Amino acid sequence: MTTPRASHISGSFQQPLLCLLLAALSLPAASVPLPAASKPSKKEYALIFGTVWGPDDRPVFGVPVKIRRAQDKKPKWQVYSDHHGEFAQRVPPGEADYILTADLKGIKTADGKPLHLVSEVKVHVDYDEREDTGLHLAQ
């Protein structure tokens, strides 16, 4: 059996490294502990992902987005758009409709004009998929 040369390892470390490698290879399989088999704790969910767009069709940062089930009156989740105007919320898997709105109290354009949401957005989820959407703001 030939051993590969490790030219990048200095000579004083080659011999101990080779002995360590050979010792590890000669161990019986039963003496090497194996990690316990664990089931991945993957909890299923659907994902509502969206972007908040301003009147100039650019992404808007820091807009509170409220999400509720269509049959509910009050929102169950609230997320904020990031620096790319994007937001995401995990929701339970299964067939359901969700209504998305933007809470625009106190949010104005650079010239001080108030913004309003063009319309609420309805998102339908069938099971555990990702649904992409957008919220459009106007002056």
N, C-alpha and C. Protein backbone atom coordinates (compact mmCIF):
# COMPACT_ATOMS: atom_id res chain seq x y z
N MET A 1 0.85 -1.16 0.00
CA MET A 1 0.00 0.00 0.00
C MET A 1 0.90 1.23 0.00
N THR A 2 0.64 2.12 -0.92
CA THR A 2 1.41 3.36 -0.95
C THR A 2 0.59 4.45 -0.31
N THR A 3 1.28 5.34 0.37
CA THR A 3 0.59 6.45 1.01
C THR A 3 0.84 7.71 0.20
N PRO A 4 -0.16 8.55 0.07
CA PRO A 4 0.05 9.80 -0.69
C PRO A 4 0.99 10.71 0.07
N ARG A 5 1.78 11.42 -0.69
CA ARG A 5 2.72 12.36 -0.07
C ARG A 5 1.99 13.63 0.29
N ALA A 6 2.27 14.12 1.44
CA ALA A 6 1.69 15.37 1.90
C ALA A 6 2.80 16.41 1.91
N SER A 7 3.11 16.95 0.75
CA SER A 7 4.23 17.87 0.64
C SER A 7 3.97 19.19 1.35
N HIS A 8 2.70 19.52 1.58
CA HIS A 8 2.40 20.77 2.24
C HIS A 8 2.52 20.68 3.76
N ILE A 9 2.72 19.46 4.30
CA ILE A 9 2.90 19.26 5.73
C ILE A 9 4.39 19.11 5.99
N SER A 10 4.89 19.81 6.97
CA SER A 10 6.32 19.75 7.25
C SER A 10 6.71 18.34 7.68
N GLY A 11 7.97 17.99 7.47
CA GLY A 11 8.47 16.65 7.73
C GLY A 11 8.28 16.19 9.16
N SER A 12 8.37 17.08 10.12
CA SER A 12 8.27 16.67 11.51
C SER A 12 6.84 16.24 11.88
N PHE A 13 5.84 16.69 11.10
CA PHE A 13 4.46 16.32 11.38
C PHE A 13 3.97 15.16 10.53
N GLN A 14 4.71 14.80 9.47
CA GLN A 14 4.25 13.74 8.58
C GLN A 14 4.15 12.40 9.29
N GLN A 15 5.16 12.02 10.04
CA GLN A 15 5.17 10.71 10.68
C GLN A 15 4.05 10.57 11.72
N PRO A 16 3.87 11.51 12.67
CA PRO A 16 2.77 11.37 13.64
C PRO A 16 1.40 11.40 12.97
N LEU A 17 1.27 12.21 11.92
CA LEU A 17 0.00 12.29 11.22
C LEU A 17 -0.31 10.97 10.53
N LEU A 18 0.69 10.35 9.94
CA LEU A 18 0.50 9.06 9.28
C LEU A 18 0.14 7.99 10.29
N CYS A 19 0.80 7.99 11.45
CA CYS A 19 0.50 7.01 12.50
C CYS A 19 -0.93 7.19 13.00
N LEU A 20 -1.35 8.44 13.18
CA LEU A 20 -2.70 8.72 13.64
C LEU A 20 -3.73 8.24 12.62
N LEU A 21 -3.47 8.48 11.35
CA LEU A 21 -4.38 8.06 10.28
C LEU A 21 -4.47 6.54 10.23
N LEU A 22 -3.34 5.85 10.30
CA LEU A 22 -3.35 4.39 10.27
C LEU A 22 -4.04 3.81 11.50
N ALA A 23 -3.85 4.44 12.64
CA ALA A 23 -4.50 3.96 13.87
C ALA A 23 -6.01 4.12 13.74
N ALA A 24 -6.45 5.21 13.18
CA ALA A 24 -7.89 5.43 13.03
C ALA A 24 -8.50 4.44 12.05
N LEU A 25 -7.77 4.11 11.00
CA LEU A 25 -8.28 3.16 10.01
C LEU A 25 -8.30 1.73 10.54
N SER A 26 -7.46 1.42 11.52
CA SER A 26 -7.39 0.05 12.03
C SER A 26 -8.38 -0.21 13.16
N LEU A 27 -9.08 0.82 13.64
CA LEU A 27 -10.05 0.61 14.71
C LEU A 27 -11.23 -0.21 14.20
N PRO A 28 -11.72 -1.13 15.02
CA PRO A 28 -12.91 -1.86 14.62
C PRO A 28 -14.11 -0.90 14.58
N ALA A 29 -15.04 -1.17 13.71
CA ALA A 29 -16.19 -0.29 13.52
C ALA A 29 -17.01 -0.13 14.78
N ALA A 30 -17.05 -1.16 15.62
CA ALA A 30 -17.87 -1.10 16.82
C ALA A 30 -17.32 -0.09 17.84
N SER A 31 -16.02 0.19 17.78
CA SER A 31 -15.47 1.09 18.78
C SER A 31 -15.61 2.57 18.39
N VAL A 32 -16.06 2.83 17.18
CA VAL A 32 -16.24 4.21 16.75
C VAL A 32 -17.69 4.60 17.02
N PRO A 33 -17.91 5.53 17.94
CA PRO A 33 -19.29 5.90 18.25
C PRO A 33 -19.93 6.65 17.09
N LEU A 34 -21.13 6.27 16.78
CA LEU A 34 -21.88 6.92 15.71
C LEU A 34 -22.89 7.88 16.34
N PRO A 35 -23.14 8.99 15.66
CA PRO A 35 -24.14 9.90 16.22
C PRO A 35 -25.51 9.24 16.22
N ALA A 36 -26.27 9.56 17.24
CA ALA A 36 -27.60 8.97 17.36
C ALA A 36 -28.47 9.45 16.19
N ALA A 37 -29.21 8.53 15.64
CA ALA A 37 -30.11 8.88 14.55
C ALA A 37 -31.24 9.72 15.11
N SER A 38 -31.36 10.89 14.58
CA SER A 38 -32.43 11.75 15.06
C SER A 38 -33.32 12.16 13.90
N LYS A 39 -34.58 12.23 14.19
CA LYS A 39 -35.53 12.64 13.19
C LYS A 39 -35.48 14.15 13.06
N PRO A 40 -35.40 14.66 11.84
CA PRO A 40 -35.40 16.11 11.73
C PRO A 40 -36.71 16.68 12.27
N SER A 41 -36.60 17.73 13.06
CA SER A 41 -37.80 18.32 13.64
C SER A 41 -38.34 19.39 12.69
N LYS A 42 -38.77 18.95 11.53
CA LYS A 42 -39.29 19.85 10.51
C LYS A 42 -40.78 20.05 10.74
N LYS A 43 -41.12 21.24 11.12
CA LYS A 43 -42.53 21.55 11.30
C LYS A 43 -43.02 22.15 9.99
N GLU A 44 -44.10 21.64 9.47
CA GLU A 44 -44.60 22.10 8.19
C GLU A 44 -45.31 23.44 8.33
N TYR A 45 -45.20 24.23 7.28
CA TYR A 45 -45.84 25.54 7.26
C TYR A 45 -45.96 25.99 5.81
N ALA A 46 -46.82 26.96 5.58
CA ALA A 46 -46.89 27.66 4.31
C ALA A 46 -46.22 29.01 4.52
N LEU A 47 -45.80 29.64 3.44
CA LEU A 47 -45.11 30.91 3.56
C LEU A 47 -45.77 31.95 2.67
N ILE A 48 -46.13 33.06 3.27
CA ILE A 48 -46.63 34.20 2.50
C ILE A 48 -45.46 35.16 2.38
N PHE A 49 -45.02 35.40 1.16
CA PHE A 49 -43.88 36.27 0.89
C PHE A 49 -44.35 37.40 -0.01
N GLY A 50 -43.92 38.61 0.28
CA GLY A 50 -44.36 39.71 -0.55
C GLY A 50 -43.42 40.88 -0.54
N THR A 51 -43.75 41.86 -1.36
CA THR A 51 -42.99 43.10 -1.46
C THR A 51 -43.96 44.27 -1.38
N VAL A 52 -43.57 45.30 -0.64
CA VAL A 52 -44.36 46.53 -0.56
C VAL A 52 -43.77 47.49 -1.59
N TRP A 53 -44.62 47.95 -2.52
CA TRP A 53 -44.19 48.85 -3.60
C TRP A 53 -44.77 50.24 -3.37
N GLY A 54 -43.94 51.25 -3.52
CA GLY A 54 -44.37 52.63 -3.36
C GLY A 54 -45.01 53.17 -4.62
N PRO A 55 -45.49 54.42 -4.57
CA PRO A 55 -46.14 55.04 -5.73
C PRO A 55 -45.20 55.14 -6.95
N ASP A 56 -43.91 55.17 -6.69
CA ASP A 56 -42.93 55.26 -7.78
C ASP A 56 -42.44 53.87 -8.22
N ASP A 57 -43.15 52.83 -7.81
CA ASP A 57 -42.80 51.43 -8.14
C ASP A 57 -41.43 51.02 -7.62
N ARG A 58 -41.05 51.60 -6.49
CA ARG A 58 -39.82 51.19 -5.81
C ARG A 58 -40.21 50.52 -4.49
N PRO A 59 -39.39 49.58 -4.01
CA PRO A 59 -39.69 48.93 -2.73
C PRO A 59 -39.67 49.93 -1.58
N VAL A 60 -40.53 49.71 -0.59
CA VAL A 60 -40.64 50.61 0.55
C VAL A 60 -40.24 49.88 1.83
N PHE A 61 -39.36 50.50 2.59
CA PHE A 61 -38.83 49.94 3.83
C PHE A 61 -39.70 50.34 5.03
N GLY A 62 -39.85 49.40 5.98
CA GLY A 62 -40.45 49.71 7.28
C GLY A 62 -41.95 49.80 7.33
N VAL A 63 -42.64 49.25 6.35
CA VAL A 63 -44.11 49.30 6.35
C VAL A 63 -44.65 48.11 7.14
N PRO A 64 -45.49 48.36 8.14
CA PRO A 64 -46.13 47.24 8.85
C PRO A 64 -47.18 46.58 7.97
N VAL A 65 -47.06 45.28 7.81
CA VAL A 65 -48.01 44.50 7.02
C VAL A 65 -48.78 43.61 7.99
N LYS A 66 -50.10 43.74 7.97
CA LYS A 66 -50.94 42.94 8.85
C LYS A 66 -51.58 41.83 8.04
N ILE A 67 -51.58 40.63 8.64
CA ILE A 67 -52.11 39.44 7.96
C ILE A 67 -53.16 38.79 8.86
N ARG A 68 -54.29 38.49 8.26
CA ARG A 68 -55.36 37.81 9.00
C ARG A 68 -55.99 36.76 8.11
N ARG A 69 -56.60 35.77 8.74
CA ARG A 69 -57.40 34.81 7.98
C ARG A 69 -58.62 35.54 7.47
N ALA A 70 -59.11 35.15 6.32
CA ALA A 70 -60.22 35.86 5.68
C ALA A 70 -61.46 35.90 6.58
N GLN A 71 -61.69 34.85 7.35
CA GLN A 71 -62.89 34.82 8.19
C GLN A 71 -62.73 35.60 9.49
N ASP A 72 -61.50 35.99 9.84
CA ASP A 72 -61.25 36.74 11.07
C ASP A 72 -61.39 38.24 10.84
N LYS A 73 -61.67 38.96 11.91
CA LYS A 73 -61.79 40.41 11.81
C LYS A 73 -60.48 41.11 12.17
N LYS A 74 -59.72 40.52 13.09
CA LYS A 74 -58.47 41.14 13.55
C LYS A 74 -57.28 40.38 12.97
N PRO A 75 -56.19 41.12 12.71
CA PRO A 75 -54.99 40.44 12.20
C PRO A 75 -54.35 39.55 13.26
N LYS A 76 -53.82 38.45 12.79
CA LYS A 76 -53.14 37.51 13.69
C LYS A 76 -51.63 37.73 13.66
N TRP A 77 -51.11 38.23 12.53
CA TRP A 77 -49.67 38.44 12.37
C TRP A 77 -49.41 39.86 11.90
N GLN A 78 -48.25 40.37 12.29
CA GLN A 78 -47.78 41.65 11.75
C GLN A 78 -46.29 41.52 11.49
N VAL A 79 -45.88 41.88 10.29
CA VAL A 79 -44.48 41.86 9.90
C VAL A 79 -44.14 43.22 9.30
N TYR A 80 -42.86 43.50 9.13
CA TYR A 80 -42.42 44.77 8.56
C TYR A 80 -41.61 44.51 7.30
N SER A 81 -41.78 45.38 6.32
CA SER A 81 -41.00 45.24 5.10
C SER A 81 -39.54 45.62 5.40
N ASP A 82 -38.61 44.87 4.80
CA ASP A 82 -37.19 45.10 5.04
C ASP A 82 -36.65 46.15 4.06
N HIS A 83 -35.34 46.26 3.98
CA HIS A 83 -34.72 47.28 3.11
C HIS A 83 -34.95 47.02 1.63
N HIS A 84 -35.40 45.83 1.30
CA HIS A 84 -35.75 45.51 -0.08
C HIS A 84 -37.26 45.58 -0.29
N GLY A 85 -37.97 46.05 0.73
CA GLY A 85 -39.43 46.12 0.65
C GLY A 85 -40.10 44.78 0.87
N GLU A 86 -39.34 43.76 1.21
CA GLU A 86 -39.86 42.40 1.30
C GLU A 86 -40.27 42.03 2.73
N PHE A 87 -41.22 41.12 2.80
CA PHE A 87 -41.67 40.58 4.08
C PHE A 87 -42.03 39.12 3.87
N ALA A 88 -42.05 38.37 4.96
CA ALA A 88 -42.41 36.95 4.90
C ALA A 88 -43.04 36.55 6.22
N GLN A 89 -44.04 35.70 6.14
CA GLN A 89 -44.70 35.20 7.35
C GLN A 89 -45.07 33.73 7.14
N ARG A 90 -44.69 32.90 8.11
CA ARG A 90 -45.11 31.50 8.10
C ARG A 90 -46.54 31.43 8.62
N VAL A 91 -47.34 30.63 7.95
CA VAL A 91 -48.72 30.40 8.38
C VAL A 91 -48.95 28.89 8.40
N PRO A 92 -49.97 28.44 9.13
CA PRO A 92 -50.21 26.99 9.19
C PRO A 92 -50.51 26.41 7.82
N PRO A 93 -50.05 25.17 7.56
CA PRO A 93 -50.35 24.55 6.28
C PRO A 93 -51.84 24.20 6.21
N GLY A 94 -52.34 24.10 5.03
CA GLY A 94 -53.74 23.75 4.84
C GLY A 94 -54.46 24.82 4.04
N GLU A 95 -55.58 24.44 3.48
CA GLU A 95 -56.32 25.35 2.62
C GLU A 95 -56.90 26.50 3.44
N ALA A 96 -56.53 27.73 3.05
CA ALA A 96 -57.01 28.91 3.76
C ALA A 96 -56.79 30.15 2.89
N ASP A 97 -57.61 31.16 3.15
CA ASP A 97 -57.45 32.46 2.51
C ASP A 97 -56.98 33.45 3.56
N TYR A 98 -56.07 34.33 3.16
CA TYR A 98 -55.52 35.35 4.05
C TYR A 98 -55.69 36.71 3.40
N ILE A 99 -55.91 37.71 4.24
CA ILE A 99 -56.04 39.09 3.79
C ILE A 99 -54.83 39.87 4.31
N LEU A 100 -54.15 40.59 3.42
CA LEU A 100 -52.99 41.39 3.78
C LEU A 100 -53.33 42.87 3.62
N THR A 101 -52.98 43.64 4.62
CA THR A 101 -53.16 45.09 4.56
C THR A 101 -51.88 45.76 5.07
N ALA A 102 -51.73 47.03 4.74
CA ALA A 102 -50.59 47.80 5.22
C ALA A 102 -51.10 48.84 6.22
N ASP A 103 -50.42 48.93 7.35
CA ASP A 103 -50.76 49.92 8.36
C ASP A 103 -49.93 51.17 8.07
N LEU A 104 -50.55 52.17 7.45
CA LEU A 104 -49.81 53.33 6.96
C LEU A 104 -49.96 54.57 7.82
N LYS A 105 -50.39 54.40 9.06
CA LYS A 105 -50.52 55.55 9.96
C LYS A 105 -49.13 56.16 10.18
N GLY A 106 -49.02 57.43 9.88
CA GLY A 106 -47.75 58.13 10.10
C GLY A 106 -46.72 57.93 9.01
N ILE A 107 -47.02 57.15 7.99
CA ILE A 107 -46.05 56.94 6.91
C ILE A 107 -46.40 57.88 5.76
N LYS A 108 -45.41 58.69 5.38
CA LYS A 108 -45.62 59.69 4.32
C LYS A 108 -44.48 59.61 3.31
N THR A 109 -44.71 60.22 2.16
CA THR A 109 -43.66 60.30 1.15
C THR A 109 -42.62 61.32 1.60
N ALA A 110 -41.53 61.42 0.86
CA ALA A 110 -40.46 62.36 1.20
C ALA A 110 -40.95 63.81 1.21
N ASP A 111 -41.96 64.11 0.37
CA ASP A 111 -42.49 65.48 0.34
C ASP A 111 -43.66 65.68 1.29
N GLY A 112 -43.91 64.71 2.20
CA GLY A 112 -44.90 64.87 3.25
C GLY A 112 -46.31 64.44 2.92
N LYS A 113 -46.53 63.85 1.75
CA LYS A 113 -47.88 63.41 1.38
C LYS A 113 -48.16 62.04 1.99
N PRO A 114 -49.37 61.86 2.53
CA PRO A 114 -49.70 60.55 3.12
C PRO A 114 -49.87 59.48 2.03
N LEU A 115 -49.59 58.25 2.41
CA LEU A 115 -49.75 57.11 1.50
C LEU A 115 -50.99 56.33 1.88
N HIS A 116 -51.55 55.64 0.92
CA HIS A 116 -52.65 54.71 1.21
C HIS A 116 -52.46 53.45 0.38
N LEU A 117 -53.05 52.38 0.84
CA LEU A 117 -52.98 51.09 0.16
C LEU A 117 -53.96 51.09 -0.99
N VAL A 118 -53.50 50.68 -2.17
CA VAL A 118 -54.38 50.64 -3.34
C VAL A 118 -55.55 49.71 -3.07
N SER A 119 -55.28 48.51 -2.57
CA SER A 119 -56.35 47.58 -2.18
C SER A 119 -55.77 46.49 -1.29
N GLU A 120 -56.64 45.91 -0.46
CA GLU A 120 -56.22 44.75 0.32
C GLU A 120 -55.85 43.63 -0.65
N VAL A 121 -55.00 42.75 -0.20
CA VAL A 121 -54.57 41.65 -1.04
C VAL A 121 -55.04 40.34 -0.42
N LYS A 122 -55.67 39.51 -1.23
CA LYS A 122 -56.12 38.19 -0.78
C LYS A 122 -55.14 37.15 -1.29
N VAL A 123 -54.70 36.29 -0.39
CA VAL A 123 -53.75 35.23 -0.74
C VAL A 123 -54.40 33.90 -0.38
N HIS A 124 -54.38 32.95 -1.31
CA HIS A 124 -54.93 31.61 -1.06
C HIS A 124 -53.79 30.62 -0.91
N VAL A 125 -53.84 29.84 0.16
CA VAL A 125 -52.84 28.81 0.43
C VAL A 125 -53.54 27.46 0.37
N ASP A 126 -52.95 26.51 -0.37
CA ASP A 126 -53.53 25.17 -0.45
C ASP A 126 -52.98 24.23 0.62
N TYR A 127 -51.66 24.21 0.77
CA TYR A 127 -51.11 23.35 1.82
C TYR A 127 -49.85 23.97 2.42
N ASP A 128 -48.67 23.58 1.93
CA ASP A 128 -47.43 24.06 2.55
C ASP A 128 -46.52 24.78 1.55
N GLU A 129 -47.12 25.42 0.57
CA GLU A 129 -46.34 26.08 -0.45
C GLU A 129 -46.02 27.53 -0.08
N ARG A 130 -45.22 28.15 -0.92
CA ARG A 130 -44.89 29.57 -0.77
C ARG A 130 -45.78 30.34 -1.75
N GLU A 131 -46.43 31.37 -1.24
CA GLU A 131 -47.25 32.24 -2.08
C GLU A 131 -46.62 33.62 -2.11
N ASP A 132 -46.32 34.12 -3.31
CA ASP A 132 -45.72 35.44 -3.48
C ASP A 132 -46.78 36.46 -3.85
N THR A 133 -46.65 37.65 -3.31
CA THR A 133 -47.63 38.69 -3.57
C THR A 133 -46.97 40.06 -3.45
N GLY A 134 -47.73 41.10 -3.66
CA GLY A 134 -47.22 42.45 -3.53
C GLY A 134 -48.30 43.39 -3.01
N LEU A 135 -47.89 44.36 -2.24
CA LEU A 135 -48.80 45.41 -1.78
C LEU A 135 -48.38 46.71 -2.44
N HIS A 136 -49.32 47.38 -3.09
CA HIS A 136 -49.01 48.60 -3.83
C HIS A 136 -49.59 49.80 -3.11
N LEU A 137 -48.73 50.80 -2.89
CA LEU A 137 -49.13 52.02 -2.19
C LEU A 137 -49.28 53.14 -3.20
N ALA A 138 -50.16 54.08 -2.90
CA ALA A 138 -50.38 55.24 -3.74
C ALA A 138 -50.46 56.48 -2.86
N GLN A 139 -50.37 57.65 -3.50
CA GLN A 139 -50.49 58.92 -2.77
C GLN A 139 -51.93 59.36 -2.75
